Amino acid sequence: MEAAINRYRILATVVGVMLILVCFVGLPIRLLTGNETPSAIISPVHGLLYMIYLVISFDLYTKAQWPMKKFLIMVSAGLVPFLAFFIERKIVAEAREVSALQQSAAKA
């Protein structure tokens, strides 16, 4: 489960940074200068990484055996700027608790 947690942490951070770049670099340049190039590069990259993030999030969600609400919270992290960083911390902490409980149950 630790590998799933680490994958989630990395993708959540990368998707969060890319979303900030889309919202605060790509779109302003496009709207203020009419130059669509940065937005045309950053937006598809964010979209691709977000799809990978969804798969990684689903993997962690199934391994932790969480309710659907938790998965929906994880999904929302890639849609709202800066939210990914807060959600990532919370999810990782909860996932590590679940992992510790699963390991102690397996030893017993």
N, C-alpha and C. Protein backbone atom coordinates (compact mmCIF):
# COMPACT_ATOMS: atom_id res chain seq x y z
N MET A 1 0.82 -1.19 0.00
CA MET A 1 0.00 0.00 0.00
C MET A 1 0.86 1.26 0.00
N GLU A 2 2.05 1.18 0.56
CA GLU A 2 2.94 2.35 0.60
C GLU A 2 3.28 2.83 -0.80
N ALA A 3 3.43 1.91 -1.74
CA ALA A 3 3.72 2.30 -3.13
C ALA A 3 2.54 3.08 -3.71
N ALA A 4 1.32 2.66 -3.42
CA ALA A 4 0.14 3.38 -3.91
C ALA A 4 0.06 4.77 -3.29
N ILE A 5 0.42 4.87 -2.03
CA ILE A 5 0.43 6.18 -1.36
C ILE A 5 1.45 7.10 -2.00
N ASN A 6 2.63 6.59 -2.27
CA ASN A 6 3.68 7.41 -2.88
C ASN A 6 3.30 7.85 -4.29
N ARG A 7 2.72 6.94 -5.07
CA ARG A 7 2.25 7.32 -6.41
C ARG A 7 1.21 8.42 -6.33
N TYR A 8 0.28 8.26 -5.39
CA TYR A 8 -0.76 9.27 -5.21
C TYR A 8 -0.15 10.63 -4.83
N ARG A 9 0.78 10.62 -3.90
CA ARG A 9 1.41 11.88 -3.47
C ARG A 9 2.06 12.60 -4.64
N ILE A 10 2.81 11.88 -5.43
CA ILE A 10 3.52 12.49 -6.56
C ILE A 10 2.53 13.05 -7.57
N LEU A 11 1.54 12.24 -7.97
CA LEU A 11 0.59 12.70 -8.98
C LEU A 11 -0.28 13.84 -8.47
N ALA A 12 -0.67 13.81 -7.21
CA ALA A 12 -1.48 14.90 -6.66
C ALA A 12 -0.71 16.22 -6.70
N THR A 13 0.56 16.17 -6.37
CA THR A 13 1.38 17.37 -6.40
C THR A 13 1.58 17.87 -7.82
N VAL A 14 1.89 16.98 -8.73
CA VAL A 14 2.11 17.38 -10.12
C VAL A 14 0.84 17.93 -10.74
N VAL A 15 -0.29 17.27 -10.51
CA VAL A 15 -1.56 17.75 -11.06
C VAL A 15 -1.93 19.11 -10.44
N GLY A 16 -1.67 19.28 -9.16
CA GLY A 16 -1.93 20.55 -8.51
C GLY A 16 -1.10 21.68 -9.10
N VAL A 17 0.17 21.42 -9.34
CA VAL A 17 1.04 22.43 -9.95
C VAL A 17 0.59 22.74 -11.37
N MET A 18 0.26 21.71 -12.13
CA MET A 18 -0.19 21.94 -13.51
C MET A 18 -1.49 22.75 -13.55
N LEU A 19 -2.39 22.49 -12.63
CA LEU A 19 -3.64 23.25 -12.60
C LEU A 19 -3.38 24.72 -12.27
N ILE A 20 -2.45 24.96 -11.38
CA ILE A 20 -2.07 26.35 -11.08
C ILE A 20 -1.47 27.01 -12.31
N LEU A 21 -0.64 26.28 -13.04
CA LEU A 21 -0.07 26.83 -14.27
C LEU A 21 -1.16 27.13 -15.30
N VAL A 22 -2.12 26.25 -15.42
CA VAL A 22 -3.23 26.49 -16.36
C VAL A 22 -3.97 27.77 -15.97
N CYS A 23 -4.34 27.86 -14.69
CA CYS A 23 -5.20 28.97 -14.24
C CYS A 23 -4.48 30.30 -14.12
N PHE A 24 -3.21 30.27 -13.73
CA PHE A 24 -2.52 31.52 -13.42
C PHE A 24 -1.40 31.89 -14.38
N VAL A 25 -1.16 31.03 -15.37
CA VAL A 25 -0.17 31.36 -16.40
C VAL A 25 -0.82 31.25 -17.78
N GLY A 26 -1.29 30.05 -18.12
CA GLY A 26 -1.83 29.81 -19.46
C GLY A 26 -3.03 30.66 -19.81
N LEU A 27 -4.03 30.65 -18.95
CA LEU A 27 -5.25 31.41 -19.25
C LEU A 27 -5.03 32.93 -19.24
N PRO A 28 -4.32 33.50 -18.26
CA PRO A 28 -4.09 34.95 -18.32
C PRO A 28 -3.32 35.39 -19.56
N ILE A 29 -2.31 34.62 -19.94
CA ILE A 29 -1.56 34.97 -21.15
C ILE A 29 -2.48 34.91 -22.36
N ARG A 30 -3.30 33.89 -22.42
CA ARG A 30 -4.23 33.74 -23.54
C ARG A 30 -5.24 34.90 -23.59
N LEU A 31 -5.80 35.24 -22.43
CA LEU A 31 -6.84 36.27 -22.40
C LEU A 31 -6.28 37.69 -22.53
N LEU A 32 -5.10 37.93 -21.97
CA LEU A 32 -4.55 39.29 -21.98
C LEU A 32 -3.77 39.62 -23.25
N THR A 33 -3.08 38.62 -23.79
CA THR A 33 -2.23 38.90 -24.96
C THR A 33 -2.75 38.26 -26.24
N GLY A 34 -3.65 37.33 -26.11
CA GLY A 34 -4.14 36.63 -27.30
C GLY A 34 -3.23 35.51 -27.75
N ASN A 35 -2.14 35.28 -27.02
CA ASN A 35 -1.20 34.21 -27.34
C ASN A 35 -1.74 32.90 -26.76
N GLU A 36 -2.15 32.00 -27.62
CA GLU A 36 -2.74 30.74 -27.17
C GLU A 36 -1.71 29.63 -26.95
N THR A 37 -0.47 29.86 -27.28
CA THR A 37 0.54 28.80 -27.21
C THR A 37 0.73 28.23 -25.80
N PRO A 38 0.95 29.06 -24.77
CA PRO A 38 1.14 28.46 -23.43
C PRO A 38 -0.08 27.64 -22.99
N SER A 39 -1.25 28.16 -23.21
CA SER A 39 -2.47 27.44 -22.83
C SER A 39 -2.63 26.16 -23.65
N ALA A 40 -2.26 26.23 -24.91
CA ALA A 40 -2.38 25.06 -25.78
C ALA A 40 -1.40 23.95 -25.39
N ILE A 41 -0.34 24.31 -24.70
CA ILE A 41 0.64 23.31 -24.25
C ILE A 41 0.28 22.81 -22.85
N ILE A 42 0.02 23.75 -21.94
CA ILE A 42 -0.18 23.41 -20.54
C ILE A 42 -1.49 22.65 -20.31
N SER A 43 -2.56 23.09 -20.94
CA SER A 43 -3.88 22.49 -20.70
C SER A 43 -3.96 21.01 -21.07
N PRO A 44 -3.50 20.59 -22.25
CA PRO A 44 -3.54 19.16 -22.55
C PRO A 44 -2.64 18.31 -21.65
N VAL A 45 -1.50 18.88 -21.25
CA VAL A 45 -0.62 18.15 -20.34
C VAL A 45 -1.33 17.93 -19.00
N HIS A 46 -1.97 18.99 -18.51
CA HIS A 46 -2.73 18.85 -17.27
C HIS A 46 -3.85 17.81 -17.43
N GLY A 47 -4.54 17.83 -18.56
CA GLY A 47 -5.61 16.87 -18.81
C GLY A 47 -5.12 15.44 -18.80
N LEU A 48 -4.00 15.19 -19.45
CA LEU A 48 -3.43 13.84 -19.48
C LEU A 48 -3.00 13.41 -18.08
N LEU A 49 -2.32 14.29 -17.37
CA LEU A 49 -1.87 13.95 -16.02
C LEU A 49 -3.07 13.75 -15.08
N TYR A 50 -4.13 14.52 -15.29
CA TYR A 50 -5.32 14.35 -14.46
C TYR A 50 -5.95 12.98 -14.69
N MET A 51 -5.96 12.51 -15.91
CA MET A 51 -6.50 11.16 -16.18
C MET A 51 -5.65 10.09 -15.49
N ILE A 52 -4.34 10.26 -15.52
CA ILE A 52 -3.46 9.32 -14.81
C ILE A 52 -3.70 9.42 -13.31
N TYR A 53 -3.88 10.65 -12.82
CA TYR A 53 -4.18 10.88 -11.41
C TYR A 53 -5.46 10.15 -10.99
N LEU A 54 -6.46 10.15 -11.85
CA LEU A 54 -7.71 9.45 -11.53
C LEU A 54 -7.47 7.96 -11.34
N VAL A 55 -6.66 7.38 -12.20
CA VAL A 55 -6.35 5.95 -12.09
C VAL A 55 -5.60 5.66 -10.79
N ILE A 56 -4.60 6.49 -10.50
CA ILE A 56 -3.81 6.32 -9.27
C ILE A 56 -4.69 6.52 -8.04
N SER A 57 -5.57 7.49 -8.09
CA SER A 57 -6.48 7.74 -6.97
C SER A 57 -7.41 6.55 -6.75
N PHE A 58 -7.92 6.00 -7.85
CA PHE A 58 -8.81 4.84 -7.75
C PHE A 58 -8.06 3.65 -7.15
N ASP A 59 -6.81 3.48 -7.52
CA ASP A 59 -6.00 2.39 -6.98
C ASP A 59 -5.87 2.53 -5.46
N LEU A 60 -5.54 3.71 -4.99
CA LEU A 60 -5.41 3.93 -3.54
C LEU A 60 -6.76 3.77 -2.84
N TYR A 61 -7.79 4.29 -3.45
CA TYR A 61 -9.14 4.19 -2.90
C TYR A 61 -9.55 2.73 -2.71
N THR A 62 -9.29 1.89 -3.68
CA THR A 62 -9.67 0.48 -3.57
C THR A 62 -8.80 -0.26 -2.55
N LYS A 63 -7.52 0.07 -2.50
CA LYS A 63 -6.64 -0.60 -1.53
C LYS A 63 -6.99 -0.22 -0.10
N ALA A 64 -7.41 1.03 0.10
CA ALA A 64 -7.77 1.49 1.44
C ALA A 64 -9.20 1.09 1.81
N GLN A 65 -9.99 0.66 0.83
CA GLN A 65 -11.38 0.24 1.04
C GLN A 65 -12.21 1.37 1.67
N TRP A 66 -12.07 2.55 1.10
CA TRP A 66 -12.80 3.73 1.57
C TRP A 66 -14.17 3.81 0.93
N PRO A 67 -15.06 4.62 1.51
CA PRO A 67 -16.37 4.85 0.87
C PRO A 67 -16.22 5.74 -0.37
N MET A 68 -17.21 5.72 -1.23
CA MET A 68 -17.18 6.48 -2.49
C MET A 68 -16.97 7.98 -2.24
N LYS A 69 -17.48 8.48 -1.15
CA LYS A 69 -17.32 9.91 -0.83
C LYS A 69 -15.85 10.30 -0.80
N LYS A 70 -15.02 9.45 -0.26
CA LYS A 70 -13.58 9.74 -0.18
C LYS A 70 -12.98 9.81 -1.58
N PHE A 71 -13.40 8.94 -2.47
CA PHE A 71 -12.90 8.98 -3.84
C PHE A 71 -13.33 10.27 -4.53
N LEU A 72 -14.55 10.69 -4.30
CA LEU A 72 -15.03 11.94 -4.90
C LEU A 72 -14.24 13.15 -4.39
N ILE A 73 -13.85 13.11 -3.13
CA ILE A 73 -12.99 14.17 -2.59
C ILE A 73 -11.64 14.15 -3.29
N MET A 74 -11.10 12.97 -3.49
CA MET A 74 -9.81 12.83 -4.17
C MET A 74 -9.91 13.37 -5.60
N VAL A 75 -10.99 13.06 -6.28
CA VAL A 75 -11.19 13.51 -7.66
C VAL A 75 -11.27 15.03 -7.73
N SER A 76 -11.94 15.64 -6.77
CA SER A 76 -12.10 17.09 -6.78
C SER A 76 -10.79 17.84 -6.61
N ALA A 77 -9.79 17.18 -6.05
CA ALA A 77 -8.50 17.83 -5.81
C ALA A 77 -7.84 18.31 -7.10
N GLY A 78 -8.09 17.67 -8.19
CA GLY A 78 -7.47 18.07 -9.46
C GLY A 78 -8.28 19.08 -10.24
N LEU A 79 -9.38 19.54 -9.65
CA LEU A 79 -10.27 20.44 -10.37
C LEU A 79 -10.27 21.87 -9.82
N VAL A 80 -9.82 22.05 -8.59
CA VAL A 80 -9.83 23.36 -7.94
C VAL A 80 -8.39 23.75 -7.60
N PRO A 81 -7.93 24.92 -8.07
CA PRO A 81 -6.55 25.32 -7.79
C PRO A 81 -6.25 25.32 -6.28
N PHE A 82 -5.09 24.85 -5.93
CA PHE A 82 -4.54 24.76 -4.57
C PHE A 82 -5.20 23.68 -3.71
N LEU A 83 -6.35 23.17 -4.09
CA LEU A 83 -7.03 22.16 -3.29
C LEU A 83 -6.24 20.85 -3.25
N ALA A 84 -5.53 20.54 -4.30
CA ALA A 84 -4.79 19.27 -4.37
C ALA A 84 -3.79 19.13 -3.23
N PHE A 85 -3.18 20.22 -2.83
CA PHE A 85 -2.16 20.16 -1.78
C PHE A 85 -2.78 19.85 -0.41
N PHE A 86 -3.95 20.41 -0.14
CA PHE A 86 -4.63 20.15 1.13
C PHE A 86 -5.21 18.74 1.17
N ILE A 87 -5.85 18.36 0.08
CA ILE A 87 -6.45 17.02 0.01
C ILE A 87 -5.37 15.95 0.07
N GLU A 88 -4.26 16.18 -0.62
CA GLU A 88 -3.17 15.20 -0.64
C GLU A 88 -2.68 14.92 0.77
N ARG A 89 -2.47 15.95 1.57
CA ARG A 89 -1.99 15.76 2.95
C ARG A 89 -2.99 14.94 3.76
N LYS A 90 -4.25 15.28 3.65
CA LYS A 90 -5.29 14.58 4.41
C LYS A 90 -5.40 13.12 3.97
N ILE A 91 -5.44 12.89 2.68
CA ILE A 91 -5.59 11.53 2.16
C ILE A 91 -4.39 10.67 2.53
N VAL A 92 -3.20 11.21 2.40
CA VAL A 92 -1.99 10.44 2.71
C VAL A 92 -1.97 10.07 4.19
N ALA A 93 -2.32 11.00 5.06
CA ALA A 93 -2.36 10.70 6.49
C ALA A 93 -3.36 9.59 6.79
N GLU A 94 -4.54 9.68 6.20
CA GLU A 94 -5.57 8.66 6.42
C GLU A 94 -5.16 7.32 5.81
N ALA A 95 -4.51 7.36 4.66
CA ALA A 95 -4.07 6.13 4.01
C ALA A 95 -2.99 5.43 4.84
N ARG A 96 -2.12 6.21 5.44
CA ARG A 96 -1.08 5.61 6.29
C ARG A 96 -1.70 4.98 7.54
N GLU A 97 -2.75 5.59 8.07
CA GLU A 97 -3.45 4.98 9.21
C GLU A 97 -4.08 3.65 8.80
N VAL A 98 -4.73 3.63 7.65
CA VAL A 98 -5.35 2.40 7.16
C VAL A 98 -4.28 1.34 6.91
N SER A 99 -3.16 1.75 6.34
CA SER A 99 -2.07 0.82 6.07
C SER A 99 -1.55 0.21 7.37
N ALA A 100 -1.38 1.04 8.39
CA ALA A 100 -0.89 0.53 9.68
C ALA A 100 -1.90 -0.45 10.28
N LEU A 101 -3.18 -0.14 10.18
CA LEU A 101 -4.20 -1.05 10.70
C LEU A 101 -4.22 -2.36 9.92
N GLN A 102 -4.07 -2.28 8.61
CA GLN A 102 -4.05 -3.50 7.80
C GLN A 102 -2.83 -4.36 8.13
N GLN A 103 -1.69 -3.71 8.36
CA GLN A 103 -0.48 -4.47 8.69
C GLN A 103 -0.60 -5.11 10.07
N SER A 104 -1.16 -4.39 11.04
CA SER A 104 -1.30 -4.98 12.37
C SER A 104 -2.34 -6.11 12.36
N ALA A 105 -3.37 -5.98 11.54
CA ALA A 105 -4.36 -7.04 11.44
C ALA A 105 -3.77 -8.28 10.78
N ALA A 106 -2.87 -8.06 9.82
CA ALA A 106 -2.24 -9.19 9.13
C ALA A 106 -1.29 -9.94 10.06
N LYS A 107 -0.66 -9.22 10.98
CA LYS A 107 0.27 -9.85 11.92
C LYS A 107 -0.47 -10.64 12.99
N ALA A 108 -1.67 -10.23 13.29
CA ALA A 108 -2.43 -10.89 14.38
C ALA A 108 -3.04 -12.19 13.98
